[in-house]
Amino acid sequence: MSYINGNGNGNGHNVKPRNVLGGELESCCTDPMTGFYRDGYCRTGVDDTGRHTVCIRATQKFLEFSMMVGNDLSTPMPQYAFPGLKEGDKWCLCMLRWREALQAGMAPEVYLEATHEAALSVVSLADLKKHAVED
């Protein structure tokens, strides 16, 4: 898997991040600004221990589930540049959190072109496709 934050290809060029479909990773969202690196992309690197790689569209059902399991995504936390999410917002979600929601039958919709290939290390492409949405 290619993690692109500072990783090169040995020739001095940065590796372009790939999505779960094998194409170039697309931006998830810039309003609210998302991604571990707050650049709009669900890319990851060694300092992203949560692996924020799944681009989702939040649903009220998912936000309630997430709060119930101890991950309040609705309340703003300015100290982390986190605006708080509402239904319909796009966001780069931790891949393990998406898998947890999937197993509970609460998985939010996913934007495949904006979901980093690293997510495939914990969830299947088939499961992601079952929850895929396009704008």
Protein backbone atom coordinates (compact mmCIF):
# COMPACT_ATOMS: atom_id res chain seq x y z
CA MET A 1 0.00 0.00 0.00
CA SER A 2 1.20 3.51 -0.66
CA TYR A 3 1.05 5.95 2.19
CA ILE A 4 1.91 9.28 0.65
CA ASN A 5 2.79 11.65 3.43
CA GLY A 6 6.46 12.18 2.68
CA ASN A 7 6.97 8.77 1.06
CA GLY A 8 8.88 8.84 -2.18
CA ASN A 9 9.42 6.34 -4.92
CA GLY A 10 13.22 6.41 -4.59
CA ASN A 11 13.60 8.88 -7.46
CA GLY A 12 12.75 11.95 -5.39
CA HIS A 13 9.12 11.92 -6.50
CA ASN A 14 6.18 11.64 -4.12
CA VAL A 15 3.94 8.64 -4.55
CA LYS A 16 0.42 9.64 -5.58
CA PRO A 17 -2.22 8.21 -3.25
CA ARG A 18 -4.56 5.60 -4.73
CA ASN A 19 -8.22 4.97 -3.98
CA VAL A 20 -9.88 1.61 -3.35
CA LEU A 21 -10.70 1.31 -7.07
CA GLY A 22 -7.04 1.68 -8.05
CA GLY A 23 -7.34 5.22 -9.40
CA GLU A 24 -5.88 8.45 -8.10
CA LEU A 25 -7.37 9.47 -4.75
CA GLU A 26 -9.96 12.24 -5.12
CA SER A 27 -10.73 14.94 -2.59
CA CYS A 28 -13.36 13.99 -0.03
CA CYS A 29 -14.42 17.41 1.21
CA THR A 30 -13.14 20.90 1.93
CA ASP A 31 -16.29 22.24 3.65
CA PRO A 32 -15.94 21.11 6.34
CA MET A 33 -12.19 20.65 5.79
CA THR A 34 -11.51 16.98 6.37
CA GLY A 35 -8.68 14.49 6.38
CA PHE A 36 -6.11 13.77 9.07
CA TYR A 37 -3.92 16.43 7.46
CA ARG A 38 -6.90 18.78 6.99
CA ASP A 39 -6.28 19.03 3.26
CA GLY A 40 -9.57 17.52 2.05
CA TYR A 41 -8.10 14.09 1.29
CA CYS A 42 -8.55 10.79 3.16
CA ARG A 43 -4.84 10.08 2.89
CA THR A 44 -2.78 8.60 5.67
CA GLY A 45 0.77 8.38 6.93
CA VAL A 46 2.81 7.11 9.84
CA ASP A 47 1.54 9.85 12.17
CA ASP A 48 -2.12 9.03 11.44
CA THR A 49 -2.63 6.24 13.96
CA GLY A 50 -6.39 6.22 13.36
CA ARG A 51 -5.99 5.75 9.59
CA HIS A 52 -8.63 8.32 8.50
CA THR A 53 -9.07 6.73 5.08
CA VAL A 54 -12.81 6.22 4.42
CA CYS A 55 -14.68 9.12 2.83
CA ILE A 56 -18.24 9.00 4.16
CA ARG A 57 -21.49 10.91 3.95
CA ALA A 58 -22.73 11.17 7.51
CA THR A 59 -26.25 10.06 8.33
CA GLN A 60 -28.09 10.88 11.53
CA LYS A 61 -28.30 7.16 12.27
CA PHE A 62 -24.53 6.79 11.97
CA LEU A 63 -23.81 9.91 14.05
CA GLU A 64 -26.07 8.60 16.83
CA PHE A 65 -24.39 5.19 16.67
CA SER A 66 -20.94 6.75 16.78
CA MET A 67 -21.87 8.79 19.85
CA MET A 68 -23.31 5.69 21.50
CA VAL A 69 -20.00 3.84 21.11
CA GLY A 70 -17.96 6.72 22.50
CA ASN A 71 -16.95 8.67 19.39
CA ASP A 72 -18.96 11.91 19.39
CA LEU A 73 -18.67 13.27 15.87
CA SER A 74 -21.46 15.84 16.28
CA THR A 75 -19.88 18.14 18.86
CA PRO A 76 -17.34 20.69 17.59
CA MET A 77 -13.81 20.39 19.00
CA PRO A 78 -11.92 23.49 17.80
CA GLN A 79 -8.69 22.34 19.49
CA TYR A 80 -8.54 19.59 16.83
CA ALA A 81 -9.88 21.77 13.99
CA PHE A 82 -13.03 19.63 14.14
CA PRO A 83 -16.27 21.47 13.33
CA GLY A 84 -18.69 18.73 14.42
CA LEU A 85 -20.66 16.85 11.78
CA LYS A 86 -24.28 16.93 10.76
CA GLU A 87 -26.26 14.70 8.46
CA GLY A 88 -25.07 15.02 4.86
CA ASP A 89 -21.52 16.14 5.71
CA LYS A 90 -18.64 14.35 4.03
CA TRP A 91 -15.80 13.29 6.32
CA CYS A 92 -12.66 11.14 6.39
CA LEU A 93 -13.51 8.44 8.92
CA CYS A 94 -11.13 6.01 10.61
CA MET A 95 -11.27 2.70 8.77
CA LEU A 96 -11.72 0.73 12.00
CA ARG A 97 -14.67 2.95 12.99
CA TRP A 98 -16.29 2.32 9.59
CA ARG A 99 -15.80 -1.43 10.06
CA GLU A 100 -17.30 -1.23 13.55
CA ALA A 101 -20.34 0.59 12.14
CA LEU A 102 -20.61 -1.97 9.33
CA GLN A 103 -20.63 -4.86 11.80
CA ALA A 104 -23.38 -3.10 13.78
CA GLY A 105 -25.47 -2.49 10.64
CA MET A 106 -24.91 1.29 10.88
CA ALA A 107 -22.27 1.93 8.21
CA PRO A 108 -22.53 5.32 6.55
CA GLU A 109 -22.38 5.75 2.79
CA VAL A 110 -18.94 5.79 1.17
CA TYR A 111 -17.37 7.71 -1.71
CA LEU A 112 -15.13 5.09 -3.32
CA GLU A 113 -13.04 7.47 -5.43
CA ALA A 114 -12.14 9.45 -2.28
CA THR A 115 -11.51 6.42 -0.03
CA HIS A 116 -7.81 5.56 0.34
CA GLU A 117 -6.64 2.09 -0.64
CA ALA A 118 -5.34 1.52 2.91
CA ALA A 119 -8.96 0.93 3.98
CA LEU A 120 -8.80 -2.39 2.13
CA SER A 121 -6.54 -3.73 4.87
CA VAL A 122 -9.56 -3.92 7.23
CA VAL A 123 -12.68 -3.87 5.02
CA SER A 124 -13.47 -5.52 1.72
CA LEU A 125 -14.07 -3.69 -1.52
CA ALA A 126 -17.36 -5.60 -1.78
CA ASP A 127 -18.57 -4.16 1.54
CA LEU A 128 -17.48 -0.65 0.55
CA LYS A 129 -19.28 -1.02 -2.80
CA LYS A 130 -22.49 -2.06 -1.01
CA HIS A 131 -22.43 1.33 0.73
CA ALA A 132 -21.14 3.38 -2.19
CA VAL A 133 -22.74 6.67 -3.13
CA GLU A 134 -22.01 9.25 -5.80
CA ASP A 135 -22.75 12.96 -5.78
